[in-house]
Amino acid sequence: MIRILILTVALCGMTSAQNGQQLPSYMLGRFQLTTSEGWSDYMYEIGIGWFQRQIACTLYPIIEVGQKADGEVTMNTITTFKSHYGTFYLGEERKRDTPDGRSFTGVTSLDGNKLVTVAKPADGPVNRIVHQFLNGGKTVQVTNTIDGTDVKAVRVFERIEE
């Protein structure tokens, strides 16, 4: 009985955090935005002002995804207007500021070919950001949704071959 209890506790501890887990190699690299649908509406719903939305909709950002040997993931968004740099460990909660100055706590997990982020802003509904890697990692479809609404933005990025 004690062995079962110890094994159960050990397994729960192993699955509760993905710290140190390595991303598949097809998720690493640089990706350039090619198409965007619903982005302005999504930004409006999360409280981004008209002027910033207009600028953001003209940009074609590059997403850079990397990972250190200890499992720390870097996900940077690079534009000519404003860039954002982020690091995290899979399965661990983190506090972060968005490029427009909002704060949230979030957790990113690996789910097959997806990086799924659940972001809880200081005020407002939960946002879900799913980076789905398609075509062997040549394409990344980023879907942003807001819990309790029909608002959805879908942005497609293509791998930059270097």
C-alpha atoms as a PDB file:
ATOM      1  CA  MET A   1       0.000   0.000   0.000  1.00  0.00           C
ATOM      2  CA  ILE A   2       2.790   2.422   0.887  1.00  0.00           C
ATOM      3  CA  ARG A   3       4.597   1.586  -2.387  1.00  0.00           C
ATOM      4  CA  ILE A   4       1.472   2.449  -4.367  1.00  0.00           C
ATOM      5  CA  LEU A   5       1.101   5.737  -2.510  1.00  0.00           C
ATOM      6  CA  ILE A   6       4.765   6.642  -3.094  1.00  0.00           C
ATOM      7  CA  LEU A   7       4.517   5.697  -6.774  1.00  0.00           C
ATOM      8  CA  THR A   8       1.332   7.769  -7.171  1.00  0.00           C
ATOM      9  CA  VAL A   9       2.928  10.816  -5.540  1.00  0.00           C
ATOM     10  CA  ALA A  10       6.045  10.435  -7.689  1.00  0.00           C
ATOM     11  CA  LEU A  11       4.040  10.142 -10.915  1.00  0.00           C
ATOM     12  CA  CYS A  12       1.872  13.160 -10.039  1.00  0.00           C
ATOM     13  CA  GLY A  13       4.982  15.193  -9.396  1.00  0.00           C
ATOM     14  CA  MET A  14       6.443  14.147 -12.729  1.00  0.00           C
ATOM     15  CA  THR A  15       3.385  15.115 -14.754  1.00  0.00           C
ATOM     16  CA  SER A  16       2.525  18.382 -13.008  1.00  0.00           C
ATOM     17  CA  ALA A  17       5.443  20.298 -14.534  1.00  0.00           C
ATOM     18  CA  GLN A  18       7.233  19.889 -17.831  1.00  0.00           C
ATOM     19  CA  ASN A  19      10.385  21.646 -16.606  1.00  0.00           C
ATOM     20  CA  GLY A  20      13.398  20.470 -18.545  1.00  0.00           C
ATOM     21  CA  GLN A  21      11.292  18.954 -21.324  1.00  0.00           C
ATOM     22  CA  GLN A  22      12.808  19.557 -24.729  1.00  0.00           C
ATOM     23  CA  LEU A  23      10.819  20.912 -27.652  1.00  0.00           C
ATOM     24  CA  PRO A  24      10.869  18.939 -30.902  1.00  0.00           C
ATOM     25  CA  SER A  25      13.480  20.363 -33.270  1.00  0.00           C
ATOM     26  CA  TYR A  26      10.802  21.399 -35.801  1.00  0.00           C
ATOM     27  CA  MET A  27       9.498  23.963 -33.278  1.00  0.00           C
ATOM     28  CA  LEU A  28      12.830  25.778 -33.116  1.00  0.00           C
ATOM     29  CA  GLY A  29      13.706  28.532 -35.551  1.00  0.00           C
ATOM     30  CA  ARG A  30      12.474  31.760 -37.082  1.00  0.00           C
ATOM     31  CA  PHE A  31       9.026  32.258 -38.608  1.00  0.00           C
ATOM     32  CA  GLN A  32       7.667  35.242 -40.600  1.00  0.00           C
ATOM     33  CA  LEU A  33       3.999  36.293 -40.549  1.00  0.00           C
ATOM     34  CA  THR A  34       2.267  35.661 -43.884  1.00  0.00           C
ATOM     35  CA  THR A  35      -1.473  35.989 -43.138  1.00  0.00           C
ATOM     36  CA  SER A  36      -3.611  37.365 -40.335  1.00  0.00           C
ATOM     37  CA  GLU A  37      -7.371  37.160 -39.746  1.00  0.00           C
ATOM     38  CA  GLY A  38      -9.280  38.730 -36.863  1.00  0.00           C
ATOM     39  CA  TRP A  39      -6.196  40.351 -35.323  1.00  0.00           C
ATOM     40  CA  SER A  40      -7.640  43.864 -35.018  1.00  0.00           C
ATOM     41  CA  ASP A  41     -10.864  42.553 -33.435  1.00  0.00           C
ATOM     42  CA  TYR A  42      -8.871  40.440 -30.966  1.00  0.00           C
ATOM     43  CA  MET A  43      -6.706  43.415 -29.966  1.00  0.00           C
ATOM     44  CA  TYR A  44      -9.821  45.584 -29.530  1.00  0.00           C
ATOM     45  CA  GLU A  45     -11.356  42.999 -27.168  1.00  0.00           C
ATOM     46  CA  ILE A  46      -8.239  42.875 -24.986  1.00  0.00           C
ATOM     47  CA  GLY A  47      -8.190  46.659 -24.669  1.00  0.00           C
ATOM     48  CA  ILE A  48      -5.573  47.831 -27.157  1.00  0.00           C
ATOM     49  CA  GLY A  49      -6.284  51.323 -28.457  1.00  0.00           C
ATOM     50  CA  TRP A  50      -7.112  52.266 -32.037  1.00  0.00           C
ATOM     51  CA  PHE A  51      -3.725  53.788 -32.895  1.00  0.00           C
ATOM     52  CA  GLN A  52      -1.711  50.800 -31.645  1.00  0.00           C
ATOM     53  CA  ARG A  53      -4.076  48.406 -33.451  1.00  0.00           C
ATOM     54  CA  GLN A  54      -3.583  50.270 -36.728  1.00  0.00           C
ATOM     55  CA  ILE A  55       0.196  50.040 -36.414  1.00  0.00           C
ATOM     56  CA  ALA A  56       0.145  46.392 -35.312  1.00  0.00           C
ATOM     57  CA  CYS A  57      -1.978  45.393 -38.297  1.00  0.00           C
ATOM     58  CA  THR A  58       0.611  46.764 -40.743  1.00  0.00           C
ATOM     59  CA  LEU A  59       3.499  44.787 -39.248  1.00  0.00           C
ATOM     60  CA  TYR A  60       4.793  41.378 -40.314  1.00  0.00           C
ATOM     61  CA  PRO A  61       6.579  40.109 -37.208  1.00  0.00           C
ATOM     62  CA  ILE A  62       9.138  37.369 -36.966  1.00  0.00           C
ATOM     63  CA  ILE A  63       8.770  34.827 -34.176  1.00  0.00           C
ATOM     64  CA  GLU A  64      12.020  33.283 -32.910  1.00  0.00           C
ATOM     65  CA  VAL A  65      11.722  30.073 -30.866  1.00  0.00           C
ATOM     66  CA  GLY A  66      14.733  28.595 -29.085  1.00  0.00           C
ATOM     67  CA  GLN A  67      15.527  26.449 -26.082  1.00  0.00           C
ATOM     68  CA  LYS A  68      18.469  26.059 -23.722  1.00  0.00           C
ATOM     69  CA  ALA A  69      19.776  22.704 -22.514  1.00  0.00           C
ATOM     70  CA  ASP A  70      18.042  23.168 -19.120  1.00  0.00           C
ATOM     71  CA  GLY A  71      14.644  23.450 -20.854  1.00  0.00           C
ATOM     72  CA  GLU A  72      14.234  27.226 -20.751  1.00  0.00           C
ATOM     73  CA  VAL A  73      12.281  28.278 -23.852  1.00  0.00           C
ATOM     74  CA  THR A  74      12.817  31.637 -25.524  1.00  0.00           C
ATOM     75  CA  MET A  75      10.020  33.049 -27.666  1.00  0.00           C
ATOM     76  CA  ASN A  76      10.770  36.430 -29.160  1.00  0.00           C
ATOM     77  CA  THR A  77       8.552  38.521 -31.424  1.00  0.00           C
ATOM     78  CA  ILE A  78      10.547  40.910 -33.579  1.00  0.00           C
ATOM     79  CA  THR A  79       9.087  43.852 -35.539  1.00  0.00           C
ATOM     80  CA  THR A  80      10.373  47.149 -36.888  1.00  0.00           C
ATOM     81  CA  PHE A  81       8.051  48.981 -34.450  1.00  0.00           C
ATOM     82  CA  LYS A  82       8.392  47.117 -31.173  1.00  0.00           C
ATOM     83  CA  SER A  83       9.910  43.777 -30.208  1.00  0.00           C
ATOM     84  CA  HIS A  84       9.091  41.513 -27.289  1.00  0.00           C
ATOM     85  CA  TYR A  85      11.386  38.978 -25.650  1.00  0.00           C
ATOM     86  CA  GLY A  86      10.137  36.178 -23.408  1.00  0.00           C
ATOM     87  CA  THR A  87      11.533  33.165 -21.592  1.00  0.00           C
ATOM     88  CA  PHE A  88       9.731  30.405 -19.722  1.00  0.00           C
ATOM     89  CA  TYR A  89       9.808  26.777 -18.687  1.00  0.00           C
ATOM     90  CA  LEU A  90       7.103  24.436 -19.937  1.00  0.00           C
ATOM     91  CA  GLY A  91       4.450  23.792 -17.309  1.00  0.00           C
ATOM     92  CA  GLU A  92       5.616  26.540 -14.933  1.00  0.00           C
ATOM     93  CA  GLU A  93       3.568  29.613 -14.129  1.00  0.00           C
ATOM     94  CA  ARG A  94       5.224  32.920 -14.930  1.00  0.00           C
ATOM     95  CA  LYS A  95       4.411  36.596 -14.704  1.00  0.00           C
ATOM     96  CA  ARG A  96       4.903  38.596 -17.852  1.00  0.00           C
ATOM     97  CA  ASP A  97       4.174  41.961 -19.397  1.00  0.00           C
ATOM     98  CA  THR A  98       2.802  42.250 -22.923  1.00  0.00           C
ATOM     99  CA  PRO A  99       4.281  44.645 -25.507  1.00  0.00           C
ATOM    100  CA  ASP A 100       1.423  47.093 -24.822  1.00  0.00           C
ATOM    101  CA  GLY A 101       2.093  47.149 -21.062  1.00  0.00           C
ATOM    102  CA  ARG A 102      -0.556  44.755 -19.707  1.00  0.00           C
ATOM    103  CA  SER A 103       0.459  42.142 -17.101  1.00  0.00           C
ATOM    104  CA  PHE A 104      -0.610  38.527 -16.884  1.00  0.00           C
ATOM    105  CA  THR A 105       0.302  35.214 -15.328  1.00  0.00           C
ATOM    106  CA  GLY A 106       0.505  32.308 -17.712  1.00  0.00           C
ATOM    107  CA  VAL A 107       1.499  28.723 -18.232  1.00  0.00           C
ATOM    108  CA  THR A 108       2.702  27.235 -21.508  1.00  0.00           C
ATOM    109  CA  SER A 109       2.553  23.513 -22.112  1.00  0.00           C
ATOM    110  CA  LEU A 110       3.538  21.179 -24.923  1.00  0.00           C
ATOM    111  CA  ASP A 111       0.603  19.243 -26.394  1.00  0.00           C
ATOM    112  CA  GLY A 112       1.752  17.185 -29.371  1.00  0.00           C
ATOM    113  CA  ASN A 113       2.571  19.657 -32.146  1.00  0.00           C
ATOM    114  CA  LYS A 114       1.216  22.613 -30.154  1.00  0.00           C
ATOM    115  CA  LEU A 115       2.526  25.077 -27.604  1.00  0.00           C
ATOM    116  CA  VAL A 116      -0.541  26.079 -25.604  1.00  0.00           C
ATOM    117  CA  THR A 117      -0.440  29.191 -23.401  1.00  0.00           C
ATOM    118  CA  VAL A 118      -3.198  29.999 -20.926  1.00  0.00           C
ATOM    119  CA  ALA A 119      -2.792  33.648 -19.951  1.00  0.00           C
ATOM    120  CA  LYS A 120      -4.684  35.205 -17.049  1.00  0.00           C
ATOM    121  CA  PRO A 121      -4.574  38.998 -17.133  1.00  0.00           C
ATOM    122  CA  ALA A 122      -4.763  41.044 -13.946  1.00  0.00           C
ATOM    123  CA  ASP A 123      -8.253  42.067 -15.030  1.00  0.00           C
ATOM    124  CA  GLY A 124     -10.396  40.492 -17.702  1.00  0.00           C
ATOM    125  CA  PRO A 125     -11.013  37.041 -19.148  1.00  0.00           C
ATOM    126  CA  VAL A 126      -8.474  34.300 -19.781  1.00  0.00           C
ATOM    127  CA  ASN A 127      -6.691  34.355 -23.150  1.00  0.00           C
ATOM    128  CA  ARG A 128      -5.511  31.202 -24.903  1.00  0.00           C
ATOM    129  CA  ILE A 129      -2.698  31.318 -27.424  1.00  0.00           C
ATOM    130  CA  VAL A 130      -2.006  28.152 -29.397  1.00  0.00           C
ATOM    131  CA  HIS A 131       1.084  27.858 -31.594  1.00  0.00           C
ATOM    132  CA  GLN A 132       0.364  24.842 -33.825  1.00  0.00           C
ATOM    133  CA  PHE A 133       3.327  23.617 -35.866  1.00  0.00           C
ATOM    134  CA  LEU A 134       2.228  22.212 -39.232  1.00  0.00           C
ATOM    135  CA  ASN A 135       3.880  20.800 -42.351  1.00  0.00           C
ATOM    136  CA  GLY A 136       6.806  19.353 -40.398  1.00  0.00           C
ATOM    137  CA  GLY A 137       7.450  22.702 -38.716  1.00  0.00           C
ATOM    138  CA  LYS A 138       7.461  24.796 -41.890  1.00  0.00           C
ATOM    139  CA  THR A 139       4.255  26.579 -40.837  1.00  0.00           C
ATOM    140  CA  VAL A 140       3.066  27.893 -37.470  1.00  0.00           C
ATOM    141  CA  GLN A 141      -0.599  28.742 -37.029  1.00  0.00           C
ATOM    142  CA  VAL A 142      -1.105  30.986 -34.014  1.00  0.00           C
ATOM    143  CA  THR A 143      -4.685  31.083 -32.743  1.00  0.00           C
ATOM    144  CA  ASN A 144      -5.620  33.629 -30.063  1.00  0.00           C
ATOM    145  CA  THR A 145      -8.971  33.264 -28.270  1.00  0.00           C
ATOM    146  CA  ILE A 146     -10.673  34.864 -25.282  1.00  0.00           C
ATOM    147  CA  ASP A 147     -12.634  32.618 -22.922  1.00  0.00           C
ATOM    148  CA  GLY A 148     -16.368  33.297 -22.909  1.00  0.00           C
ATOM    149  CA  THR A 149     -16.374  35.032 -26.315  1.00  0.00           C
ATOM    150  CA  ASP A 150     -16.405  34.132 -29.997  1.00  0.00           C
ATOM    151  CA  VAL A 151     -13.398  36.374 -30.635  1.00  0.00           C
ATOM    152  CA  LYS A 152     -10.606  34.579 -32.466  1.00  0.00           C
ATOM    153  CA  ALA A 153      -7.511  35.678 -34.343  1.00  0.00           C
ATOM    154  CA  VAL A 154      -5.632  33.288 -36.603  1.00  0.00           C
ATOM    155  CA  ARG A 155      -2.174  34.252 -37.807  1.00  0.00           C
ATOM    156  CA  VAL A 156      -0.002  32.083 -40.025  1.00  0.00           C
ATOM    157  CA  PHE A 157       3.794  32.193 -40.016  1.00  0.00           C
ATOM    158  CA  GLU A 158       6.186  30.453 -42.409  1.00  0.00           C
ATOM    159  CA  ARG A 159       9.662  29.221 -41.495  1.00  0.00           C
ATOM    160  CA  ILE A 160      12.513  31.452 -42.609  1.00  0.00           C
ATOM    161  CA  GLU A 161      15.097  29.168 -44.185  1.00  0.00           C
ATOM    162  CA  GLU A 162      18.567  30.402 -43.356  1.00  0.00           C
END
